[in-house]
N, C-alpha and C. Protein backbone atom coordinates (compact mmCIF):
# COMPACT_ATOMS: atom_id res chain seq x y z
N MET A 1 270.49 283.23 42.50
CA MET A 1 270.09 283.49 41.13
C MET A 1 270.58 282.32 40.27
N SER A 2 269.74 281.80 39.38
CA SER A 2 270.11 280.66 38.56
C SER A 2 271.02 281.08 37.41
N PHE A 3 271.61 280.09 36.78
CA PHE A 3 272.47 280.31 35.62
C PHE A 3 271.71 281.10 34.54
N LEU A 4 270.47 280.66 34.26
CA LEU A 4 269.67 281.34 33.24
C LEU A 4 269.39 282.78 33.63
N ASN A 5 269.04 283.03 34.88
CA ASN A 5 268.81 284.39 35.33
C ASN A 5 270.06 285.25 35.21
N ASP A 6 271.23 284.67 35.53
CA ASP A 6 272.49 285.40 35.37
C ASP A 6 272.67 285.82 33.92
N LEU A 7 272.42 284.89 33.01
CA LEU A 7 272.62 285.19 31.60
C LEU A 7 271.62 286.22 31.10
N ILE A 8 270.36 286.06 31.50
CA ILE A 8 269.34 287.01 31.07
C ILE A 8 269.59 288.36 31.71
N GLY A 9 270.01 288.36 32.96
CA GLY A 9 270.36 289.63 33.61
C GLY A 9 271.44 290.35 32.83
N GLY A 10 272.40 289.59 32.33
CA GLY A 10 273.45 290.17 31.50
C GLY A 10 272.88 290.75 30.23
N ALA A 11 271.87 290.09 29.68
CA ALA A 11 271.26 290.58 28.44
C ALA A 11 270.51 291.88 28.69
N GLN A 12 269.85 291.96 29.84
CA GLN A 12 269.09 293.17 30.13
C GLN A 12 270.01 294.32 30.52
N GLY A 13 271.03 294.00 31.28
CA GLY A 13 271.90 295.05 31.76
C GLY A 13 272.89 295.53 30.73
N ASN A 14 273.25 294.66 29.80
CA ASN A 14 274.28 295.01 28.83
C ASN A 14 274.06 294.23 27.55
N ALA A 15 273.01 294.59 26.82
CA ALA A 15 272.63 293.83 25.63
C ALA A 15 273.73 293.82 24.58
N ALA A 16 274.59 294.82 24.57
CA ALA A 16 275.65 294.86 23.57
C ALA A 16 276.86 294.03 24.00
N GLY A 17 276.92 293.64 25.26
CA GLY A 17 278.03 292.85 25.75
C GLY A 17 277.99 291.45 25.18
N GLY A 18 279.14 290.80 25.07
CA GLY A 18 279.19 289.48 24.45
C GLY A 18 278.87 288.36 25.41
N GLY A 19 278.50 288.62 26.65
CA GLY A 19 278.40 287.57 27.63
C GLY A 19 277.02 287.04 27.90
N SER A 20 276.00 287.48 27.23
CA SER A 20 274.65 287.04 27.58
C SER A 20 274.14 285.95 26.65
N LEU A 21 273.18 285.19 27.14
CA LEU A 21 272.57 284.13 26.35
C LEU A 21 271.91 284.70 25.10
N LEU A 22 271.22 285.82 25.22
CA LEU A 22 270.59 286.41 24.05
C LEU A 22 271.62 286.90 23.04
N SER A 23 272.76 287.37 23.51
CA SER A 23 273.78 287.79 22.55
C SER A 23 274.36 286.57 21.84
N VAL A 24 274.44 285.42 22.52
CA VAL A 24 274.90 284.20 21.87
C VAL A 24 273.88 283.79 20.80
N ALA A 25 272.59 283.84 21.14
CA ALA A 25 271.55 283.53 20.16
C ALA A 25 271.66 284.47 18.96
N GLY A 26 271.85 285.75 19.24
CA GLY A 26 271.99 286.73 18.17
C GLY A 26 273.20 286.46 17.30
N GLU A 27 274.31 286.07 17.93
CA GLU A 27 275.52 285.75 17.17
C GLU A 27 275.30 284.54 16.28
N LEU A 28 274.63 283.52 16.80
CA LEU A 28 274.34 282.33 15.99
C LEU A 28 273.49 282.70 14.78
N ILE A 29 272.49 283.55 14.99
CA ILE A 29 271.62 283.97 13.90
C ILE A 29 272.43 284.74 12.86
N GLN A 30 273.28 285.65 13.32
CA GLN A 30 274.11 286.42 12.40
C GLN A 30 275.05 285.53 11.60
N LYS A 31 275.77 284.63 12.30
CA LYS A 31 276.75 283.77 11.63
C LYS A 31 276.09 282.82 10.64
N ALA A 32 274.82 282.49 10.89
CA ALA A 32 274.09 281.60 9.98
C ALA A 32 273.57 282.34 8.76
N GLY A 33 273.70 283.66 8.75
CA GLY A 33 273.19 284.44 7.61
C GLY A 33 271.82 285.01 7.87
N GLY A 34 271.52 285.33 9.12
CA GLY A 34 270.23 285.89 9.48
C GLY A 34 269.23 284.80 9.82
N VAL A 35 268.02 285.22 10.09
CA VAL A 35 266.96 284.27 10.47
C VAL A 35 266.76 283.24 9.36
N GLN A 36 266.75 283.72 8.11
CA GLN A 36 266.53 282.82 6.98
C GLN A 36 267.62 281.74 6.92
N GLY A 37 268.87 282.14 7.13
CA GLY A 37 269.98 281.20 7.10
C GLY A 37 269.92 280.18 8.23
N LEU A 38 269.60 280.66 9.44
CA LEU A 38 269.52 279.76 10.59
C LEU A 38 268.39 278.76 10.41
N VAL A 39 267.22 279.25 10.00
CA VAL A 39 266.07 278.37 9.80
C VAL A 39 266.40 277.31 8.76
N GLY A 40 266.99 277.72 7.64
CA GLY A 40 267.34 276.78 6.58
C GLY A 40 268.35 275.74 7.05
N MET A 41 269.35 276.20 7.78
CA MET A 41 270.39 275.29 8.26
C MET A 41 269.81 274.29 9.27
N LEU A 42 268.99 274.74 10.19
CA LEU A 42 268.41 273.83 11.17
C LEU A 42 267.45 272.84 10.50
N GLN A 43 266.73 273.30 9.47
CA GLN A 43 265.85 272.40 8.73
C GLN A 43 266.65 271.32 8.02
N GLN A 44 267.77 271.71 7.42
CA GLN A 44 268.62 270.75 6.71
C GLN A 44 269.21 269.70 7.63
N HIS A 45 269.37 270.04 8.89
CA HIS A 45 270.06 269.15 9.82
C HIS A 45 269.13 268.54 10.86
N GLY A 46 267.89 268.25 10.43
CA GLY A 46 267.01 267.41 11.23
C GLY A 46 265.99 268.09 12.13
N LEU A 47 265.93 269.42 12.14
CA LEU A 47 264.98 270.09 13.03
C LEU A 47 263.86 270.80 12.27
N GLY A 48 263.58 270.34 11.06
CA GLY A 48 262.62 271.01 10.18
C GLY A 48 261.26 271.27 10.80
N GLU A 49 260.65 270.24 11.35
CA GLU A 49 259.31 270.38 11.90
C GLU A 49 259.30 271.34 13.10
N ALA A 50 260.28 271.20 13.96
CA ALA A 50 260.35 272.07 15.14
C ALA A 50 260.58 273.52 14.71
N VAL A 51 261.51 273.73 13.78
CA VAL A 51 261.83 275.10 13.35
C VAL A 51 260.62 275.75 12.68
N GLN A 52 259.87 274.98 11.90
CA GLN A 52 258.66 275.54 11.28
C GLN A 52 257.67 276.01 12.34
N SER A 53 257.61 275.28 13.47
CA SER A 53 256.70 275.69 14.54
C SER A 53 257.18 276.99 15.19
N TRP A 54 258.50 277.23 15.23
CA TRP A 54 259.03 278.46 15.80
C TRP A 54 258.67 279.65 14.92
N VAL A 55 258.74 279.43 13.60
CA VAL A 55 258.43 280.50 12.64
C VAL A 55 256.93 280.76 12.60
N GLY A 56 256.14 279.69 12.61
CA GLY A 56 254.70 279.81 12.50
C GLY A 56 254.09 280.54 13.69
N THR A 57 252.80 280.73 13.62
CA THR A 57 252.11 281.50 14.65
C THR A 57 251.56 280.64 15.79
N GLY A 58 251.71 279.32 15.70
CA GLY A 58 251.25 278.43 16.77
C GLY A 58 252.30 278.31 17.87
N SER A 59 252.14 277.27 18.69
CA SER A 59 253.09 277.08 19.79
C SER A 59 254.40 276.50 19.25
N ASN A 60 255.48 276.78 19.97
CA ASN A 60 256.81 276.33 19.58
C ASN A 60 257.07 274.91 20.05
N GLN A 61 257.50 274.04 19.14
CA GLN A 61 257.89 272.70 19.52
C GLN A 61 259.25 272.76 20.20
N PRO A 62 259.43 272.02 21.28
CA PRO A 62 260.73 272.03 21.96
C PRO A 62 261.75 271.18 21.21
N VAL A 63 263.02 271.51 21.42
CA VAL A 63 264.13 270.67 20.99
C VAL A 63 265.06 270.52 22.18
N SER A 64 265.79 269.44 22.20
CA SER A 64 266.74 269.24 23.30
C SER A 64 268.04 269.96 22.99
N GLY A 65 268.83 270.18 24.01
CA GLY A 65 270.14 270.77 23.82
C GLY A 65 271.00 269.90 22.91
N ASP A 66 270.87 268.57 23.04
CA ASP A 66 271.63 267.64 22.20
C ASP A 66 271.22 267.77 20.73
N GLN A 67 269.91 267.84 20.48
CA GLN A 67 269.42 267.99 19.10
C GLN A 67 269.93 269.30 18.49
N LEU A 68 269.80 270.38 19.25
CA LEU A 68 270.24 271.67 18.75
C LEU A 68 271.74 271.69 18.53
N GLY A 69 272.49 271.15 19.49
CA GLY A 69 273.94 271.10 19.37
C GLY A 69 274.39 270.32 18.14
N GLN A 70 273.74 269.19 17.89
CA GLN A 70 274.07 268.37 16.72
C GLN A 70 273.80 269.14 15.43
N ALA A 71 272.64 269.80 15.36
CA ALA A 71 272.28 270.56 14.15
C ALA A 71 273.24 271.72 13.92
N LEU A 72 273.60 272.44 14.99
CA LEU A 72 274.53 273.56 14.86
C LEU A 72 275.92 273.07 14.46
N GLN A 73 276.35 271.97 15.06
CA GLN A 73 277.66 271.39 14.72
C GLN A 73 277.68 270.99 13.25
N ASN A 74 276.65 270.27 12.81
CA ASN A 74 276.58 269.82 11.42
C ASN A 74 276.44 270.99 10.45
N GLY A 75 275.86 272.08 10.94
CA GLY A 75 275.68 273.27 10.10
C GLY A 75 276.89 274.19 10.10
N GLY A 76 277.96 273.79 10.80
CA GLY A 76 279.18 274.58 10.78
C GLY A 76 279.29 275.66 11.84
N LEU A 77 278.39 275.64 12.83
CA LEU A 77 278.42 276.66 13.87
C LEU A 77 278.94 276.15 15.21
N GLY A 78 279.52 274.96 15.21
CA GLY A 78 280.04 274.40 16.45
C GLY A 78 281.11 275.27 17.10
N SER A 79 281.94 275.92 16.27
CA SER A 79 283.00 276.77 16.83
C SER A 79 282.42 278.00 17.54
N VAL A 80 281.29 278.50 17.04
CA VAL A 80 280.63 279.65 17.69
C VAL A 80 280.14 279.23 19.08
N VAL A 81 279.57 278.04 19.17
CA VAL A 81 279.09 277.52 20.45
C VAL A 81 280.26 277.32 21.41
N GLN A 82 281.34 276.72 20.93
CA GLN A 82 282.52 276.48 21.77
C GLN A 82 283.07 277.81 22.31
N GLU A 83 283.19 278.80 21.43
CA GLU A 83 283.73 280.09 21.82
C GLU A 83 282.83 280.77 22.86
N ALA A 84 281.52 280.73 22.61
CA ALA A 84 280.57 281.36 23.54
C ALA A 84 280.60 280.67 24.90
N ALA A 85 280.68 279.35 24.90
CA ALA A 85 280.74 278.61 26.17
C ALA A 85 282.00 279.01 26.94
N GLY A 86 283.10 279.16 26.23
CA GLY A 86 284.34 279.58 26.87
C GLY A 86 284.22 280.96 27.49
N LYS A 87 283.60 281.90 26.76
CA LYS A 87 283.42 283.26 27.27
C LYS A 87 282.54 283.27 28.53
N LEU A 88 281.52 282.39 28.51
CA LEU A 88 280.59 282.35 29.64
C LEU A 88 281.10 281.47 30.78
N GLY A 89 282.15 280.70 30.51
CA GLY A 89 282.71 279.83 31.54
C GLY A 89 281.81 278.64 31.86
N VAL A 90 281.11 278.13 30.85
CA VAL A 90 280.23 276.97 31.05
C VAL A 90 280.58 275.88 30.06
N ASP A 91 280.12 274.69 30.33
CA ASP A 91 280.29 273.57 29.44
C ASP A 91 279.41 273.78 28.20
N PRO A 92 279.91 273.46 26.99
CA PRO A 92 279.08 273.64 25.79
C PRO A 92 277.73 272.94 25.86
N SER A 93 277.67 271.75 26.48
CA SER A 93 276.39 271.05 26.57
C SER A 93 275.41 271.81 27.47
N GLN A 94 275.94 272.46 28.52
CA GLN A 94 275.08 273.27 29.39
C GLN A 94 274.55 274.48 28.60
N LEU A 95 275.43 275.11 27.81
CA LEU A 95 275.02 276.24 26.98
C LEU A 95 273.96 275.80 25.97
N MET A 96 274.13 274.62 25.36
CA MET A 96 273.14 274.15 24.39
C MET A 96 271.79 273.92 25.06
N GLY A 97 271.81 273.41 26.28
CA GLY A 97 270.55 273.23 27.02
C GLY A 97 269.83 274.55 27.20
N GLN A 98 270.58 275.60 27.53
CA GLN A 98 269.96 276.91 27.71
C GLN A 98 269.52 277.49 26.37
N LEU A 99 270.35 277.35 25.34
CA LEU A 99 269.98 277.87 24.02
C LEU A 99 268.75 277.16 23.45
N SER A 100 268.59 275.88 23.79
CA SER A 100 267.42 275.15 23.29
C SER A 100 266.13 275.72 23.88
N GLN A 101 266.25 276.43 25.01
CA GLN A 101 265.09 277.09 25.61
C GLN A 101 264.85 278.47 25.00
N ILE A 102 265.93 279.17 24.64
CA ILE A 102 265.85 280.56 24.18
C ILE A 102 265.68 280.68 22.67
N LEU A 103 266.42 279.87 21.90
CA LEU A 103 266.42 280.03 20.44
C LEU A 103 265.03 279.90 19.82
N PRO A 104 264.18 278.96 20.25
CA PRO A 104 262.83 278.93 19.67
C PRO A 104 262.08 280.25 19.87
N HIS A 105 262.24 280.85 21.05
CA HIS A 105 261.57 282.12 21.32
C HIS A 105 262.17 283.25 20.48
N ALA A 106 263.50 283.21 20.31
CA ALA A 106 264.16 284.24 19.51
C ALA A 106 263.69 284.19 18.06
N VAL A 107 263.65 282.98 17.48
CA VAL A 107 263.18 282.84 16.10
C VAL A 107 261.72 283.26 16.01
N ASP A 108 260.91 282.84 16.96
CA ASP A 108 259.49 283.20 16.99
C ASP A 108 259.34 284.73 17.05
N HIS A 109 260.14 285.36 17.91
CA HIS A 109 260.10 286.81 18.11
C HIS A 109 260.50 287.56 16.84
N LEU A 110 261.43 287.00 16.08
CA LEU A 110 261.95 287.65 14.88
C LEU A 110 261.13 287.32 13.63
N THR A 111 260.11 286.47 13.80
CA THR A 111 259.21 286.13 12.68
C THR A 111 257.77 286.32 13.13
N PRO A 112 257.39 287.55 13.52
CA PRO A 112 256.08 287.77 14.14
C PRO A 112 254.89 287.48 13.24
N ASP A 113 255.07 287.51 11.92
CA ASP A 113 253.95 287.26 11.02
C ASP A 113 253.93 285.83 10.51
N GLY A 114 254.75 284.97 11.14
CA GLY A 114 254.78 283.58 10.71
C GLY A 114 255.56 283.38 9.43
N GLN A 115 256.35 284.37 9.04
CA GLN A 115 257.15 284.29 7.82
C GLN A 115 258.60 284.61 8.13
N VAL A 116 259.51 283.87 7.52
CA VAL A 116 260.92 284.17 7.64
C VAL A 116 261.21 285.40 6.79
N PRO A 117 261.87 286.42 7.36
CA PRO A 117 262.18 287.59 6.55
C PRO A 117 263.08 287.22 5.38
N ALA A 118 262.84 287.84 4.22
CA ALA A 118 263.68 287.59 3.05
C ALA A 118 265.10 288.03 3.34
N GLN A 119 266.05 287.44 2.63
CA GLN A 119 267.45 287.84 2.79
C GLN A 119 267.54 289.35 2.59
N GLY A 120 268.21 290.02 3.50
CA GLY A 120 268.30 291.47 3.40
C GLY A 120 267.28 292.16 4.28
N GLN A 121 266.16 291.50 4.56
CA GLN A 121 265.16 292.04 5.49
C GLN A 121 265.35 291.30 6.80
N GLY A 122 265.89 291.97 7.78
CA GLY A 122 266.11 291.30 9.06
C GLY A 122 267.34 290.42 9.05
N GLY A 123 268.06 290.37 7.90
CA GLY A 123 269.29 289.59 7.85
C GLY A 123 270.37 290.23 8.70
N GLY A 124 270.33 291.56 8.81
CA GLY A 124 271.28 292.28 9.65
C GLY A 124 270.71 292.44 11.04
N LEU A 125 270.64 291.37 11.78
CA LEU A 125 270.05 291.35 13.11
C LEU A 125 270.83 292.28 14.04
N ASN A 126 270.11 293.08 14.80
CA ASN A 126 270.80 293.80 15.87
C ASN A 126 270.23 293.30 17.19
N LEU A 127 271.03 293.40 18.23
CA LEU A 127 270.59 292.85 19.51
C LEU A 127 269.38 293.59 20.05
N GLY A 128 269.15 294.81 19.58
CA GLY A 128 267.96 295.54 19.99
C GLY A 128 266.69 294.77 19.64
N ALA A 129 266.75 294.02 18.54
CA ALA A 129 265.59 293.23 18.12
C ALA A 129 265.28 292.14 19.14
N LEU A 130 266.30 291.70 19.88
CA LEU A 130 266.08 290.64 20.87
C LEU A 130 265.90 291.19 22.28
N GLU A 131 266.20 292.47 22.49
CA GLU A 131 266.08 293.03 23.84
C GLU A 131 264.67 292.88 24.39
N GLY A 132 263.67 293.17 23.56
CA GLY A 132 262.29 293.07 24.01
C GLY A 132 261.91 291.65 24.40
N LEU A 133 262.61 290.68 23.84
CA LEU A 133 262.32 289.29 24.14
C LEU A 133 262.60 288.96 25.59
N ALA A 134 263.70 289.48 26.14
CA ALA A 134 264.04 289.19 27.54
C ALA A 134 262.92 289.66 28.45
N GLY A 135 262.39 290.84 28.19
CA GLY A 135 261.29 291.35 29.01
C GLY A 135 260.05 290.51 28.88
N LYS A 136 259.76 290.05 27.65
CA LYS A 136 258.59 289.21 27.40
C LYS A 136 258.71 287.87 28.12
N LEU A 137 259.89 287.25 28.00
CA LEU A 137 260.08 285.91 28.56
C LEU A 137 260.17 285.91 30.07
N PHE A 138 260.79 286.95 30.60
CA PHE A 138 261.13 286.91 32.02
C PHE A 138 260.51 288.04 32.81
N GLY A 139 259.59 288.77 32.21
CA GLY A 139 258.86 289.80 32.92
C GLY A 139 259.74 290.84 33.57
N GLY A 140 260.89 291.11 32.95
CA GLY A 140 261.77 292.15 33.47
C GLY A 140 262.54 291.71 34.70
N ALA A 141 262.63 290.41 34.96
CA ALA A 141 263.37 289.91 36.13
C ALA A 141 264.80 290.41 36.08
N GLY A 142 265.27 290.91 37.18
CA GLY A 142 266.64 291.37 37.27
C GLY A 142 266.82 292.82 36.86
N ALA A 143 265.76 293.44 36.38
CA ALA A 143 265.88 294.84 35.93
C ALA A 143 265.57 295.77 37.07
């Protein structure tokens, strides 16, 4: 089983647990102030065009783990990444590589109408909102 499958398996088996990739994505969204906060922060730190594609209804533009890591670090979320990497027992750059694959889908999933929810609407993200994403992305693998 690959690293990504291990993490996603953790998300499916224990979505409330702190050890899954989706829970890390959820924590980043929460710490940024919800979807609106994360989108704004990533736009401010060089990922504007890519983030708009995640929110919009078209295809998602990819970002590299390095690009995402730099934007999160500059946006003040570097400590969240470091802590999550420690909990998962992986290198932060490896975690960023995985998050760069998942976060675009998470933002896309949380903005189904191509609009960022207003502050207060969807700002209180719960992991249940991301649970369906694991099934969509991975066809229930590991379940």
